[in-house]
Amino acid sequence: MTIIPEDERSSLPLDTDEIIYHPDMIRANEWILTEYEPPVRDFCIFVPCAKKKPYHESPSHKIFDKVIFSVLGPEHVHVVVFGTCGITPRELDTEYPFMDYQFMLGKCNVAKIKRDFVRMESQRLAEYLRKTRGNYKHRIAYCIGDFRKAMELAVEMSGVEVIIVPKKETIKSHVQPGKKFIYGSLNQTGYLQDFSDAIATSLGAELSTDGSEKFCHEKENDGATGEENTSINDNDWYIL
């Protein structure tokens, strides 16, 4: 699959703070929202984009996957990445331009770009939620900072329910005012525990109505417990 043929790609760089305005990024996201056919799954789990590409090979996504797939079978989950990339179903994360951009919005200090990102991303997410209203039974978003703000706005705009974690009280307990990213890494144990709990709670609700174990995946290791890992942080988010 090629979203944008090579001979139709813009010559503008993909490594500047204006990445959200890049014509190929806009075009690719329009394709996702108009042409892409999402799978039907019991769970859709939204996770933030990462510095390392493709996303599914990044350190942060490997941690996320450890939590997700220790509980759920992969055939029941659709992982969707959002953030700097706009909206990227993760099975497309090796496609241009999602594989090729370099700039992280977490490094952006331009207030207008930050505001525009929240506006643009919330609109895209709302449209995706409406588009996939009948595709998923449960939706969980794991995010903080302004990626979270965009998701919260999208839920209000679309009227589609999404469980957003970590919990606000957990985030508050992890605030470190002296740090560049005051909320810290999404790979912290407290955050991951909220993520795991949200999946387990939604799974429990599903099993109570379904009456079977068809959604379960063999649990090799609990990705939300054990030693806290804050050294790996290739997530990309920012705080206004």
Protein backbone atom coordinates (compact mmCIF):
# COMPACT_ATOMS: atom_id res chain seq x y z
CA MET A 1 0.00 0.00 0.00
CA THR A 2 1.20 3.49 -0.87
CA ILE A 3 -0.77 6.36 0.60
CA ILE A 4 1.09 9.04 -1.36
CA PRO A 5 2.96 7.93 -4.53
CA GLU A 6 6.60 8.96 -4.55
CA ASP A 7 6.20 11.21 -7.57
CA GLU A 8 3.42 13.14 -5.83
CA ARG A 9 5.26 13.92 -2.61
CA SER A 10 6.11 17.42 -1.49
CA SER A 11 9.72 18.58 -1.46
CA LEU A 12 9.17 20.42 1.81
CA PRO A 13 11.19 19.02 4.75
CA LEU A 14 9.58 16.78 7.35
CA ASP A 15 11.85 17.86 10.19
CA THR A 16 10.65 21.35 11.10
CA ASP A 17 8.28 22.67 13.76
CA GLU A 18 5.67 23.19 11.05
CA ILE A 19 5.24 19.45 10.56
CA ILE A 20 1.50 19.66 11.35
CA TYR A 21 1.03 21.91 8.31
CA HIS A 22 3.08 19.74 5.94
CA PRO A 23 0.97 19.01 2.84
CA ASP A 24 1.85 15.32 2.82
CA MET A 25 0.97 14.90 6.49
CA ILE A 26 -2.35 16.63 5.88
CA ARG A 27 -3.01 14.53 2.78
CA ALA A 28 -2.16 11.27 4.55
CA ASN A 29 -4.51 12.11 7.40
CA GLU A 30 -7.28 13.01 5.00
CA TRP A 31 -6.78 9.60 3.39
CA ILE A 32 -7.09 7.90 6.79
CA LEU A 33 -10.34 9.73 7.47
CA THR A 34 -11.92 9.28 4.05
CA GLU A 35 -10.43 6.24 2.26
CA TYR A 36 -9.05 3.95 4.95
CA GLU A 37 -11.32 1.12 6.09
CA PRO A 38 -10.75 0.42 9.80
CA PRO A 39 -11.07 -3.17 11.01
CA VAL A 40 -13.88 -4.31 13.26
CA ARG A 41 -12.42 -5.09 16.68
CA ASP A 42 -13.69 -5.35 20.23
CA PHE A 43 -11.06 -2.90 21.46
CA CYS A 44 -9.44 0.19 19.97
CA ILE A 45 -6.48 1.43 21.95
CA PHE A 46 -5.03 4.86 21.16
CA VAL A 47 -1.38 5.44 22.07
CA PRO A 48 0.91 8.42 21.41
CA CYS A 49 3.46 8.54 18.62
CA ALA A 50 7.14 7.97 19.34
CA LYS A 51 10.49 9.35 18.29
CA LYS A 52 11.73 6.01 16.96
CA LYS A 53 10.16 4.75 13.74
CA PRO A 54 8.36 2.59 12.96
CA TYR A 55 6.31 3.07 16.10
CA HIS A 56 5.78 -0.63 16.77
CA GLU A 57 9.55 -1.06 17.17
CA SER A 58 10.02 1.88 19.53
CA PRO A 59 10.93 1.27 23.20
CA SER A 60 7.75 2.97 24.43
CA HIS A 61 5.41 1.02 22.17
CA LYS A 62 7.04 -2.25 23.18
CA ILE A 63 6.16 -1.37 26.77
CA PHE A 64 2.61 -0.44 25.77
CA ASP A 65 2.27 -3.72 23.87
CA LYS A 66 3.45 -5.66 26.88
CA VAL A 67 0.52 -4.24 28.84
CA ILE A 68 -2.04 -4.61 26.04
CA PHE A 69 -1.20 -8.09 24.84
CA SER A 70 -0.62 -9.59 28.27
CA VAL A 71 -4.39 -9.31 28.64
CA LEU A 72 -5.91 -9.24 25.16
CA GLY A 73 -5.42 -11.38 22.10
CA PRO A 74 -4.05 -9.34 19.17
CA GLU A 75 -6.98 -10.33 16.98
CA HIS A 76 -9.31 -8.39 19.26
CA VAL A 77 -7.36 -5.11 19.40
CA HIS A 78 -6.78 -2.29 16.93
CA VAL A 79 -3.89 -0.04 17.96
CA VAL A 80 -4.13 3.52 16.64
CA VAL A 81 -1.30 6.02 17.05
CA PHE A 82 -2.00 9.75 17.36
CA GLY A 83 -0.14 12.98 18.02
CA THR A 84 2.44 14.65 15.79
CA CYS A 85 1.50 12.18 13.05
CA GLY A 86 -2.17 13.08 13.27
CA ILE A 87 -3.91 9.70 13.25
CA THR A 88 -2.05 6.57 12.19
CA PRO A 89 -3.51 3.06 12.42
CA ARG A 90 -0.39 1.27 13.58
CA GLU A 91 -0.48 -1.34 10.84
CA LEU A 92 0.38 1.59 8.54
CA ASP A 93 3.31 2.90 10.58
CA THR A 94 5.88 1.94 7.94
CA GLU A 95 4.13 4.09 5.32
CA TYR A 96 5.24 7.55 4.17
CA PRO A 97 5.01 10.11 5.76
CA PHE A 98 4.44 8.41 9.14
CA MET A 99 7.76 6.59 8.86
CA ASP A 100 9.71 9.57 7.57
CA TYR A 101 9.09 12.67 9.70
CA GLN A 102 11.64 13.54 12.36
CA PHE A 103 10.41 16.58 14.27
CA MET A 104 8.91 16.04 17.72
CA LEU A 105 6.28 18.54 18.80
CA GLY A 106 7.56 18.12 22.34
CA LYS A 107 10.44 20.36 21.26
CA CYS A 108 8.19 23.08 19.87
CA ASN A 109 8.09 26.42 21.69
CA VAL A 110 5.80 28.26 19.26
CA ALA A 111 2.48 28.95 21.00
CA LYS A 112 0.50 29.24 17.76
CA ILE A 113 1.69 25.84 16.54
CA LYS A 114 0.80 24.29 19.87
CA ARG A 115 -2.69 25.80 19.78
CA ASP A 116 -3.17 24.80 16.16
CA PHE A 117 -2.11 21.26 16.97
CA VAL A 118 -4.76 20.85 19.67
CA ARG A 119 -7.41 22.29 17.36
CA MET A 120 -6.43 20.20 14.33
CA GLU A 121 -5.82 16.99 16.22
CA SER A 122 -9.08 17.16 18.19
CA GLN A 123 -10.99 17.63 14.94
CA ARG A 124 -9.25 14.67 13.32
CA LEU A 125 -9.79 12.45 16.34
CA ALA A 126 -13.46 13.42 16.53
CA GLU A 127 -13.92 12.56 12.87
CA TYR A 128 -12.17 9.23 13.34
CA LEU A 129 -14.32 8.43 16.37
CA ARG A 130 -17.47 9.20 14.41
CA LYS A 131 -16.21 7.22 11.41
CA THR A 132 -15.53 4.16 13.57
CA ARG A 133 -18.53 4.42 15.86
CA GLY A 134 -19.65 0.94 14.86
CA ASN A 135 -16.21 -0.65 14.55
CA TYR A 136 -15.25 -0.98 18.21
CA LYS A 137 -17.02 -1.93 21.43
CA HIS A 138 -14.43 -0.37 23.76
CA ARG A 139 -12.02 2.53 23.28
CA ILE A 140 -9.10 3.36 25.56
CA ALA A 141 -6.64 6.23 25.09
CA TYR A 142 -3.31 6.32 26.92
CA CYS A 143 -2.01 9.88 26.87
CA ILE A 144 -0.98 12.96 28.84
CA GLY A 145 -0.26 16.61 28.10
CA ASP A 146 -1.85 18.19 25.07
CA PHE A 147 -2.28 14.87 23.29
CA ARG A 148 -4.70 14.14 26.11
CA LYS A 149 -6.33 17.57 25.75
CA ALA A 150 -6.95 16.86 22.06
CA MET A 151 -8.50 13.48 22.87
CA GLU A 152 -10.75 14.97 25.56
CA LEU A 153 -12.00 17.60 23.12
CA ALA A 154 -12.58 14.93 20.46
CA VAL A 155 -14.74 12.92 22.85
CA GLU A 156 -16.85 16.01 23.56
CA MET A 157 -17.14 16.84 19.87
CA SER A 158 -18.02 13.33 18.69
CA GLY A 159 -20.12 12.07 21.57
CA VAL A 160 -18.23 8.76 21.37
CA GLU A 161 -17.04 7.35 24.69
CA VAL A 162 -13.32 6.84 25.21
CA ILE A 163 -11.74 5.82 28.52
CA ILE A 164 -8.75 8.14 28.92
CA VAL A 165 -5.90 7.12 31.20
CA PRO A 166 -3.82 7.65 33.30
CA LYS A 167 -6.32 8.88 35.86
CA LYS A 168 -6.14 12.57 36.72
CA GLU A 169 -5.23 11.83 40.33
CA THR A 170 -2.39 9.57 39.19
CA ILE A 171 -1.05 12.28 36.90
CA LYS A 172 -1.28 14.82 39.71
CA SER A 173 0.73 12.55 41.99
CA HIS A 174 3.52 12.31 39.38
CA VAL A 175 3.92 16.04 38.70
CA GLN A 176 7.52 17.20 38.96
CA PRO A 177 7.51 21.03 38.61
CA GLY A 178 11.27 21.26 38.07
CA LYS A 179 11.31 18.93 35.07
CA LYS A 180 10.98 19.89 31.41
CA PHE A 181 8.06 17.48 31.05
CA ILE A 182 6.39 17.95 34.41
CA TYR A 183 4.21 14.84 34.06
CA GLY A 184 7.16 12.58 33.36
CA SER A 185 7.32 9.50 31.18
CA LEU A 186 4.30 7.41 30.25
CA ASN A 187 6.44 4.41 31.13
CA GLN A 188 6.16 5.02 34.87
CA THR A 189 4.62 2.22 36.88
CA GLY A 190 1.69 4.26 38.20
CA TYR A 191 0.64 5.31 34.72
CA LEU A 192 1.04 1.81 33.32
CA GLN A 193 -1.04 0.41 36.16
CA ASP A 194 -3.94 2.71 35.26
CA PHE A 195 -3.55 1.62 31.62
CA SER A 196 -3.62 -2.06 32.58
CA ASP A 197 -6.57 -1.55 34.93
CA ALA A 198 -8.61 0.20 32.21
CA ILE A 199 -8.08 -2.70 29.81
CA ALA A 200 -8.91 -5.25 32.49
CA THR A 201 -12.07 -3.39 33.53
CA SER A 202 -13.29 -3.14 29.94
CA LEU A 203 -12.46 -6.80 29.37
CA GLY A 204 -14.39 -7.74 32.49
CA ALA A 205 -17.43 -5.88 31.21
CA GLU A 206 -17.11 -7.66 27.88
CA LEU A 207 -16.78 -11.09 29.46
CA SER A 208 -19.75 -10.50 31.73
CA THR A 209 -21.98 -10.07 28.69
CA ASP A 210 -20.24 -12.54 26.41
CA GLY A 211 -19.77 -15.31 28.94
CA SER A 212 -16.56 -16.66 27.41
CA GLU A 213 -12.80 -16.32 27.54
CA LYS A 214 -12.40 -15.65 23.86
CA PHE A 215 -10.79 -12.25 24.37
CA CYS A 216 -8.08 -13.37 26.75
CA HIS A 217 -4.45 -13.77 25.83
CA GLU A 218 -1.95 -15.84 27.78
CA LYS A 219 -0.39 -13.56 30.35
CA GLU A 220 3.39 -13.89 30.22
CA ASN A 221 4.27 -10.86 32.31
CA ASP A 222 2.46 -7.96 33.87
CA GLY A 223 3.69 -4.88 32.03
CA ALA A 224 2.23 -2.56 34.66
CA THR A 225 4.07 -3.90 37.68
CA GLY A 226 7.63 -4.37 38.75
CA GLU A 227 10.51 -1.92 38.76
CA GLU A 228 9.62 1.56 37.55
CA ASN A 229 11.20 2.43 34.23
CA THR A 230 11.69 6.11 33.54
CA SER A 231 14.90 5.87 31.53
CA ILE A 232 13.16 4.97 28.28
CA ASN A 233 11.16 7.91 27.05
CA ASP A 234 10.76 8.28 23.31
CA ASN A 235 7.14 9.38 23.58
CA ASP A 236 6.26 12.69 21.98
CA TRP A 237 3.88 15.08 23.68
CA TYR A 238 4.08 18.58 24.98
CA ILE A 239 2.46 20.83 27.53
CA LEU A 240 1.13 24.30 26.72
